[in-house]
C-alpha atoms as a PDB file:
ATOM      1  CA  MET A   1      92.874 196.846  40.684  1.00  0.00           C
ATOM      2  CA  GLU A   2      96.311 196.325  42.224  1.00  0.00           C
ATOM      3  CA  SER A   3      98.989 195.900  39.573  1.00  0.00           C
ATOM      4  CA  VAL A   4     102.446 194.341  39.842  1.00  0.00           C
ATOM      5  CA  MET A   5     103.712 195.682  36.516  1.00  0.00           C
ATOM      6  CA  SER A   6     102.928 198.856  34.586  1.00  0.00           C
ATOM      7  CA  ILE A   7     103.799 199.278  30.924  1.00  0.00           C
ATOM      8  CA  ARG A   8     103.916 202.830  29.606  1.00  0.00           C
ATOM      9  CA  ASP A   9     104.010 203.883  25.928  1.00  0.00           C
ATOM     10  CA  LEU A  10     106.069 200.836  24.987  1.00  0.00           C
ATOM     11  CA  SER A  11     107.395 200.616  21.436  1.00  0.00           C
ATOM     12  CA  VAL A  12     109.820 198.119  19.924  1.00  0.00           C
ATOM     13  CA  SER A  13     111.431 198.102  16.509  1.00  0.00           C
ATOM     14  CA  TYR A  14     113.917 195.898  14.680  1.00  0.00           C
ATOM     15  CA  GLU A  15     115.995 197.682  12.036  1.00  0.00           C
ATOM     16  CA  HIS A  16     113.267 200.304  11.623  1.00  0.00           C
ATOM     17  CA  LYS A  17     110.420 197.768  11.470  1.00  0.00           C
ATOM     18  CA  THR A  18     107.960 198.533  14.255  1.00  0.00           C
ATOM     19  CA  VAL A  19     106.765 195.466  16.184  1.00  0.00           C
ATOM     20  CA  LEU A  20     105.071 197.192  19.130  1.00  0.00           C
ATOM     21  CA  GLU A  21     103.745 200.738  19.114  1.00  0.00           C
ATOM     22  CA  GLY A  22     102.634 202.817  22.092  1.00  0.00           C
ATOM     23  CA  VAL A  23     101.453 199.941  24.295  1.00  0.00           C
ATOM     24  CA  SER A  24     100.310 200.933  27.802  1.00  0.00           C
ATOM     25  CA  LEU A  25      98.656 198.597  30.316  1.00  0.00           C
ATOM     26  CA  ASP A  26      98.762 197.493  33.943  1.00  0.00           C
ATOM     27  CA  ILE A  27      99.149 193.802  34.794  1.00  0.00           C
ATOM     28  CA  PRO A  28      96.780 192.882  37.655  1.00  0.00           C
ATOM     29  CA  SER A  29      98.346 191.210  40.668  1.00  0.00           C
ATOM     30  CA  ARG A  30      97.559 187.531  41.294  1.00  0.00           C
ATOM     31  CA  ARG A  31      95.395 187.195  38.244  1.00  0.00           C
ATOM     32  CA  ILE A  32      95.811 185.490  34.879  1.00  0.00           C
ATOM     33  CA  THR A  33      96.160 187.939  32.000  1.00  0.00           C
ATOM     34  CA  ALA A  34      95.889 186.415  28.530  1.00  0.00           C
ATOM     35  CA  VAL A  35      97.496 188.160  25.560  1.00  0.00           C
ATOM     36  CA  ILE A  36      95.769 187.279  22.302  1.00  0.00           C
ATOM     37  CA  GLY A  37      96.030 188.391  18.693  1.00  0.00           C
ATOM     38  CA  PRO A  38      97.004 187.130  15.243  1.00  0.00           C
ATOM     39  CA  SER A  39     100.479 185.778  14.479  1.00  0.00           C
ATOM     40  CA  GLY A  40     103.098 188.500  14.199  1.00  0.00           C
ATOM     41  CA  CYS A  41     101.164 191.088  16.210  1.00  0.00           C
ATOM     42  CA  GLY A  42     103.872 191.446  18.900  1.00  0.00           C
ATOM     43  CA  LYS A  43     102.671 189.114  21.660  1.00  0.00           C
ATOM     44  CA  THR A  44     106.000 187.356  22.278  1.00  0.00           C
ATOM     45  CA  THR A  45     107.890 190.645  21.949  1.00  0.00           C
ATOM     46  CA  LEU A  46     105.696 192.054  24.720  1.00  0.00           C
ATOM     47  CA  LEU A  47     106.642 189.149  27.014  1.00  0.00           C
ATOM     48  CA  HIS A  48     110.325 189.654  26.239  1.00  0.00           C
ATOM     49  CA  CYS A  49     109.988 193.300  27.228  1.00  0.00           C
ATOM     50  CA  MET A  50     108.448 192.345  30.560  1.00  0.00           C
ATOM     51  CA  ASN A  51     111.502 190.398  31.728  1.00  0.00           C
ATOM     52  CA  GLY A  52     114.158 192.432  29.911  1.00  0.00           C
ATOM     53  CA  LEU A  53     115.056 189.731  27.396  1.00  0.00           C
ATOM     54  CA  ILE A  54     114.408 192.214  24.590  1.00  0.00           C
ATOM     55  CA  GLY A  55     117.634 193.994  25.532  1.00  0.00           C
ATOM     56  CA  GLU A  56     119.630 190.928  24.474  1.00  0.00           C
ATOM     57  CA  GLU A  57     118.003 190.585  21.048  1.00  0.00           C
ATOM     58  CA  PRO A  58     120.195 191.858  18.183  1.00  0.00           C
ATOM     59  CA  GLY A  59     118.821 194.969  16.508  1.00  0.00           C
ATOM     60  CA  ALA A  60     115.957 195.480  18.950  1.00  0.00           C
ATOM     61  CA  VAL A  61     115.248 199.055  20.035  1.00  0.00           C
ATOM     62  CA  ARG A  62     112.858 199.552  22.929  1.00  0.00           C
ATOM     63  CA  LYS A  63     111.254 202.861  23.873  1.00  0.00           C
ATOM     64  CA  GLY A  64     108.896 203.616  26.714  1.00  0.00           C
ATOM     65  CA  ASN A  65     109.033 202.164  30.194  1.00  0.00           C
ATOM     66  CA  VAL A  66     108.244 198.958  32.046  1.00  0.00           C
ATOM     67  CA  LEU A  67     107.792 199.296  35.811  1.00  0.00           C
ATOM     68  CA  LEU A  68     107.958 196.346  38.207  1.00  0.00           C
ATOM     69  CA  ALA A  69     106.465 197.238  41.598  1.00  0.00           C
ATOM     70  CA  GLY A  70     106.879 200.890  40.650  1.00  0.00           C
ATOM     71  CA  ARG A  71     110.529 200.627  39.643  1.00  0.00           C
ATOM     72  CA  SER A  72     111.818 200.777  36.086  1.00  0.00           C
ATOM     73  CA  ILE A  73     113.187 197.415  34.994  1.00  0.00           C
ATOM     74  CA  ASP A  74     116.129 199.334  33.490  1.00  0.00           C
ATOM     75  CA  ALA A  75     117.229 200.060  37.066  1.00  0.00           C
ATOM     76  CA  ILE A  76     117.001 196.399  38.124  1.00  0.00           C
ATOM     77  CA  PRO A  77     120.057 194.155  37.567  1.00  0.00           C
ATOM     78  CA  PRO A  78     119.248 191.511  34.910  1.00  0.00           C
ATOM     79  CA  GLU A  79     119.805 188.575  37.282  1.00  0.00           C
ATOM     80  CA  GLU A  80     117.380 190.053  39.815  1.00  0.00           C
ATOM     81  CA  LEU A  81     114.833 190.846  37.101  1.00  0.00           C
ATOM     82  CA  ARG A  82     114.920 187.295  35.692  1.00  0.00           C
ATOM     83  CA  ARG A  83     114.455 185.896  39.190  1.00  0.00           C
ATOM     84  CA  ARG A  84     111.461 188.145  39.856  1.00  0.00           C
ATOM     85  CA  VAL A  85     109.881 187.733  36.392  1.00  0.00           C
ATOM     86  CA  GLY A  86     110.103 184.127  35.180  1.00  0.00           C
ATOM     87  CA  LEU A  87     109.595 183.189  31.526  1.00  0.00           C
ATOM     88  CA  VAL A  88     108.562 179.772  30.211  1.00  0.00           C
ATOM     89  CA  PHE A  89     108.963 179.300  26.473  1.00  0.00           C
ATOM     90  CA  GLN A  90     106.626 177.736  23.927  1.00  0.00           C
ATOM     91  CA  THR A  91     108.774 174.628  23.463  1.00  0.00           C
ATOM     92  CA  PRO A  92     109.613 172.809  26.730  1.00  0.00           C
ATOM     93  CA  SER A  93     113.271 173.422  27.541  1.00  0.00           C
ATOM     94  CA  PRO A  94     114.403 171.171  30.402  1.00  0.00           C
ATOM     95  CA  PHE A  95     118.132 171.117  31.016  1.00  0.00           C
ATOM     96  CA  PRO A  96     119.799 167.880  29.794  1.00  0.00           C
ATOM     97  CA  PHE A  97     120.219 166.373  33.235  1.00  0.00           C
ATOM     98  CA  SER A  98     118.121 164.926  36.044  1.00  0.00           C
ATOM     99  CA  ILE A  99     114.712 166.156  37.187  1.00  0.00           C
ATOM    100  CA  TYR A 100     116.194 166.942  40.610  1.00  0.00           C
ATOM    101  CA  ARG A 101     119.089 168.917  39.181  1.00  0.00           C
ATOM    102  CA  ASN A 102     116.726 170.848  36.927  1.00  0.00           C
ATOM    103  CA  MET A 103     114.721 171.820  39.978  1.00  0.00           C
ATOM    104  CA  THR A 104     117.671 172.843  42.140  1.00  0.00           C
ATOM    105  CA  TYR A 105     119.751 174.562  39.444  1.00  0.00           C
ATOM    106  CA  ALA A 106     118.468 178.109  40.002  1.00  0.00           C
ATOM    107  CA  LEU A 107     118.377 177.743  43.788  1.00  0.00           C
ATOM    108  CA  LYS A 108     122.021 176.678  43.862  1.00  0.00           C
ATOM    109  CA  TYR A 109     122.896 179.520  41.494  1.00  0.00           C
ATOM    110  CA  TYR A 110     121.376 181.969  43.974  1.00  0.00           C
ATOM    111  CA  GLY A 111     123.307 180.411  46.851  1.00  0.00           C
ATOM    112  CA  VAL A 112     120.998 177.825  48.434  1.00  0.00           C
ATOM    113  CA  ARG A 113     123.088 174.832  49.541  1.00  0.00           C
ATOM    114  CA  ASP A 114     121.124 173.280  52.406  1.00  0.00           C
ATOM    115  CA  LYS A 115     119.933 169.827  51.269  1.00  0.00           C
ATOM    116  CA  LYS A 116     116.749 169.967  53.327  1.00  0.00           C
ATOM    117  CA  LYS A 117     115.787 173.332  51.822  1.00  0.00           C
ATOM    118  CA  LEU A 118     116.527 172.070  48.322  1.00  0.00           C
ATOM    119  CA  ASP A 119     114.505 168.890  48.853  1.00  0.00           C
ATOM    120  CA  ALA A 120     111.580 170.853  50.299  1.00  0.00           C
ATOM    121  CA  ALA A 121     111.570 173.277  47.357  1.00  0.00           C
ATOM    122  CA  VAL A 122     111.681 170.446  44.833  1.00  0.00           C
ATOM    123  CA  GLU A 123     108.708 168.700  46.433  1.00  0.00           C
ATOM    124  CA  ALA A 124     106.697 171.889  46.933  1.00  0.00           C
ATOM    125  CA  LYS A 125     107.081 173.245  43.405  1.00  0.00           C
ATOM    126  CA  LEU A 126     106.644 169.906  41.657  1.00  0.00           C
ATOM    127  CA  THR A 127     103.481 169.474  43.728  1.00  0.00           C
ATOM    128  CA  MET A 128     102.259 172.899  42.613  1.00  0.00           C
ATOM    129  CA  ALA A 129     102.819 171.786  39.029  1.00  0.00           C
ATOM    130  CA  GLY A 130     100.876 168.565  39.622  1.00  0.00           C
ATOM    131  CA  LEU A 131     104.003 166.582  38.790  1.00  0.00           C
ATOM    132  CA  TYR A 132     105.418 165.372  42.103  1.00  0.00           C
ATOM    133  CA  ASP A 133     103.343 162.191  42.421  1.00  0.00           C
ATOM    134  CA  GLU A 134     104.284 161.253  38.858  1.00  0.00           C
ATOM    135  CA  VAL A 135     108.066 161.627  39.309  1.00  0.00           C
ATOM    136  CA  LYS A 136     108.808 161.417  43.056  1.00  0.00           C
ATOM    137  CA  ASP A 137     110.447 158.004  42.660  1.00  0.00           C
ATOM    138  CA  GLU A 138     112.401 159.063  39.567  1.00  0.00           C
ATOM    139  CA  LEU A 139     114.010 162.369  40.516  1.00  0.00           C
ATOM    140  CA  GLY A 140     117.366 161.059  39.299  1.00  0.00           C
ATOM    141  CA  LYS A 141     115.917 160.312  35.864  1.00  0.00           C
ATOM    142  CA  SER A 142     116.837 162.520  32.898  1.00  0.00           C
ATOM    143  CA  ALA A 143     114.271 165.266  32.424  1.00  0.00           C
ATOM    144  CA  LEU A 144     114.528 164.668  28.691  1.00  0.00           C
ATOM    145  CA  LYS A 145     112.784 161.305  29.142  1.00  0.00           C
ATOM    146  CA  LEU A 146     109.602 162.935  30.410  1.00  0.00           C
ATOM    147  CA  SER A 147     106.619 163.386  28.091  1.00  0.00           C
ATOM    148  CA  GLY A 148     106.077 166.753  26.446  1.00  0.00           C
ATOM    149  CA  GLY A 149     103.389 167.737  28.930  1.00  0.00           C
ATOM    150  CA  GLN A 150     105.534 166.651  31.869  1.00  0.00           C
ATOM    151  CA  GLN A 151     108.500 168.587  30.505  1.00  0.00           C
ATOM    152  CA  GLN A 152     106.408 171.746  30.252  1.00  0.00           C
ATOM    153  CA  ARG A 153     105.135 171.348  33.807  1.00  0.00           C
ATOM    154  CA  LEU A 154     108.709 170.749  34.948  1.00  0.00           C
ATOM    155  CA  CYS A 155     109.793 174.002  33.313  1.00  0.00           C
ATOM    156  CA  ILE A 156     106.984 175.867  35.066  1.00  0.00           C
ATOM    157  CA  ALA A 157     107.869 174.251  38.408  1.00  0.00           C
ATOM    158  CA  ARG A 158     111.536 175.098  37.842  1.00  0.00           C
ATOM    159  CA  ALA A 159     110.653 178.751  37.249  1.00  0.00           C
ATOM    160  CA  LEU A 160     108.726 178.806  40.538  1.00  0.00           C
ATOM    161  CA  THR A 161     111.652 177.621  42.675  1.00  0.00           C
ATOM    162  CA  VAL A 162     113.017 181.174  42.993  1.00  0.00           C
ATOM    163  CA  GLU A 163     109.589 182.580  43.964  1.00  0.00           C
ATOM    164  CA  PRO A 164     109.043 185.019  41.081  1.00  0.00           C
ATOM    165  CA  GLU A 165     106.547 187.839  41.410  1.00  0.00           C
ATOM    166  CA  MET A 166     105.386 187.173  37.866  1.00  0.00           C
ATOM    167  CA  LEU A 167     105.276 184.110  35.643  1.00  0.00           C
ATOM    168  CA  LEU A 168     105.225 184.677  31.877  1.00  0.00           C
ATOM    169  CA  LEU A 169     104.199 181.821  29.586  1.00  0.00           C
ATOM    170  CA  ASP A 170     104.550 181.926  25.811  1.00  0.00           C
ATOM    171  CA  GLU A 171     102.076 179.494  24.214  1.00  0.00           C
ATOM    172  CA  PRO A 172     102.782 176.827  26.874  1.00  0.00           C
ATOM    173  CA  CYS A 173     100.219 174.365  25.492  1.00  0.00           C
ATOM    174  CA  SER A 174     100.700 174.808  21.744  1.00  0.00           C
ATOM    175  CA  ALA A 175     102.618 171.536  21.321  1.00  0.00           C
ATOM    176  CA  LEU A 176     100.605 169.516  23.839  1.00  0.00           C
ATOM    177  CA  ASP A 177      97.615 167.220  23.570  1.00  0.00           C
ATOM    178  CA  VAL A 178      94.223 168.087  25.023  1.00  0.00           C
ATOM    179  CA  LYS A 179      94.769 166.138  28.250  1.00  0.00           C
ATOM    180  CA  SER A 180      98.148 167.729  28.986  1.00  0.00           C
ATOM    181  CA  SER A 181      96.756 171.173  28.170  1.00  0.00           C
ATOM    182  CA  ALA A 182      93.879 170.657  30.603  1.00  0.00           C
ATOM    183  CA  VAL A 183      96.328 169.704  33.369  1.00  0.00           C
ATOM    184  CA  ILE A 184      98.354 172.879  32.784  1.00  0.00           C
ATOM    185  CA  GLU A 185      95.228 175.049  32.696  1.00  0.00           C
ATOM    186  CA  GLN A 186      94.106 173.629  36.043  1.00  0.00           C
ATOM    187  CA  MET A 187      97.588 174.202  37.442  1.00  0.00           C
ATOM    188  CA  LEU A 188      97.602 177.850  36.346  1.00  0.00           C
ATOM    189  CA  THR A 189      94.232 178.564  37.942  1.00  0.00           C
ATOM    190  CA  GLU A 190      95.667 177.224  41.215  1.00  0.00           C
ATOM    191  CA  LEU A 191      98.949 179.117  40.866  1.00  0.00           C
ATOM    192  CA  LYS A 192      97.275 182.515  40.522  1.00  0.00           C
ATOM    193  CA  LYS A 193      96.500 182.379  44.237  1.00  0.00           C
ATOM    194  CA  ASP A 194     100.196 183.068  44.797  1.00  0.00           C
ATOM    195  CA  TYR A 195     101.579 184.393  41.502  1.00  0.00           C
ATOM    196  CA  THR A 196     100.782 186.945  38.826  1.00  0.00           C
ATOM    197  CA  ILE A 197     100.522 185.129  35.490  1.00  0.00           C
ATOM    198  CA  VAL A 198     100.665 186.406  31.914  1.00  0.00           C
ATOM    199  CA  ILE A 199     100.001 183.879  29.157  1.00  0.00           C
ATOM    200  CA  VAL A 200     100.319 184.382  25.414  1.00  0.00           C
ATOM    201  CA  THR A 201      97.938 182.060  23.613  1.00  0.00           C
ATOM    202  CA  HIS A 202      96.466 181.516  20.156  1.00  0.00           C
ATOM    203  CA  ASN A 203      93.841 179.298  21.786  1.00  0.00           C
ATOM    204  CA  ILE A 204      90.814 181.557  22.306  1.00  0.00           C
ATOM    205  CA  PRO A 205      88.767 178.900  24.168  1.00  0.00           C
ATOM    206  CA  GLN A 206      91.721 178.478  26.527  1.00  0.00           C
ATOM    207  CA  ALA A 207      91.848 182.220  27.195  1.00  0.00           C
ATOM    208  CA  LYS A 208      88.102 182.197  27.861  1.00  0.00           C
ATOM    209  CA  ARG A 209      88.495 179.325  30.341  1.00  0.00           C
ATOM    210  CA  ILE A 210      91.361 180.594  32.458  1.00  0.00           C
ATOM    211  CA  ALA A 211      91.931 184.339  31.974  1.00  0.00           C
ATOM    212  CA  ASP A 212      90.765 187.000  34.403  1.00  0.00           C
ATOM    213  CA  TYR A 213      91.866 189.798  32.057  1.00  0.00           C
ATOM    214  CA  THR A 214      92.614 189.774  28.344  1.00  0.00           C
ATOM    215  CA  ALA A 215      94.733 192.039  26.160  1.00  0.00           C
ATOM    216  CA  PHE A 216      94.120 192.008  22.400  1.00  0.00           C
ATOM    217  CA  LEU A 217      97.050 193.055  20.222  1.00  0.00           C
ATOM    218  CA  TYR A 218      96.783 193.774  16.529  1.00  0.00           C
ATOM    219  CA  ASP A 219      99.558 195.031  14.259  1.00  0.00           C
ATOM    220  CA  GLY A 220     101.707 195.951  17.263  1.00  0.00           C
ATOM    221  CA  ARG A 221      99.003 198.008  18.961  1.00  0.00           C
ATOM    222  CA  LEU A 222      97.017 197.286  22.100  1.00  0.00           C
ATOM    223  CA  VAL A 223      93.495 197.446  20.717  1.00  0.00           C
ATOM    224  CA  GLU A 224      91.634 196.462  23.849  1.00  0.00           C
ATOM    225  CA  PHE A 225      92.310 195.435  27.447  1.00  0.00           C
ATOM    226  CA  ALA A 226      89.450 194.406  29.720  1.00  0.00           C
ATOM    227  CA  PRO A 227      88.182 191.757  32.118  1.00  0.00           C
ATOM    228  CA  ALA A 228      88.130 188.564  30.059  1.00  0.00           C
ATOM    229  CA  GLU A 229      84.408 187.906  30.377  1.00  0.00           C
ATOM    230  CA  GLU A 230      83.665 191.440  29.203  1.00  0.00           C
ATOM    231  CA  LEU A 231      86.097 191.355  26.272  1.00  0.00           C
ATOM    232  CA  PHE A 232      84.843 188.014  24.965  1.00  0.00           C
ATOM    233  CA  SER A 233      81.127 188.678  25.453  1.00  0.00           C
ATOM    234  CA  ALA A 234      80.944 192.347  24.507  1.00  0.00           C
ATOM    235  CA  PRO A 235      84.160 193.659  22.921  1.00  0.00           C
ATOM    236  CA  ARG A 236      84.185 197.431  22.539  1.00  0.00           C
ATOM    237  CA  GLU A 237      86.360 197.649  19.437  1.00  0.00           C
ATOM    238  CA  GLU A 238      85.463 196.540  15.916  1.00  0.00           C
ATOM    239  CA  GLU A 239      88.944 195.014  15.426  1.00  0.00           C
ATOM    240  CA  THR A 240      88.416 192.838  18.490  1.00  0.00           C
ATOM    241  CA  ARG A 241      85.011 191.702  17.259  1.00  0.00           C
ATOM    242  CA  ALA A 242      86.468 190.882  13.843  1.00  0.00           C
ATOM    243  CA  PHE A 243      89.304 188.834  15.343  1.00  0.00           C
ATOM    244  CA  LEU A 244      87.041 186.875  17.675  1.00  0.00           C
ATOM    245  CA  SER A 245      84.647 186.127  14.825  1.00  0.00           C
ATOM    246  CA  GLY A 246      87.501 184.723  12.742  1.00  0.00           C
ATOM    247  CA  VAL A 247      87.740 187.469  10.111  1.00  0.00           C
ATOM    248  CA  TYR A 248      91.506 187.414  10.601  1.00  0.00           C
ATOM    249  CA  GLY A 249      93.788 185.328  12.809  1.00  0.00           C
END
């Protein structure tokens, strides 16, 4: 199993309260890894460690190492790390300007000025997100006027414009209806051909549908990490079986 990121003995605490403890796992390349577990178990904190955002959180102390393509993220400049490891938040967060400007913002920040290149990137990434045909005649429209599902797909497309090696998604469908969630799930299964994806989700059926690998966190610990089909059909650990059967959640 080729991995793009390796996490080694990762622990995080806030003012002496431990949120993650001794987590070690490898994130498989060009696969979807789902991170599941009850509320407060450290799932979002794990994502924030993967792209270095944890270092900007007041009071957070991180121990252990996170390696991206074999290199510690501590040795990677933050701007480079955020470009290589994109993060899409639970609540859609389009910038308060046009769809087109949302899509070209990061590219311009990193120095792309050629109009043809910008236009091509906008079309390509919106197409990947299944959004281009819906908005191609309204690229000058405010992104805030899109539906919730469209906004979330826009945010994913925007993250893809800088060609990240990894795409992290924190509960991307939690505020969406069933139809919008299904569109995003289909999009993610297509995107894994080109990108490594990690998704935090409370939705166990969703994880079963789209994940190739699944990590189960409980009380800040990595209880089990396995191919998704194996973990859901025959979990090795009693805590995993209890969670999947609804004993706690």
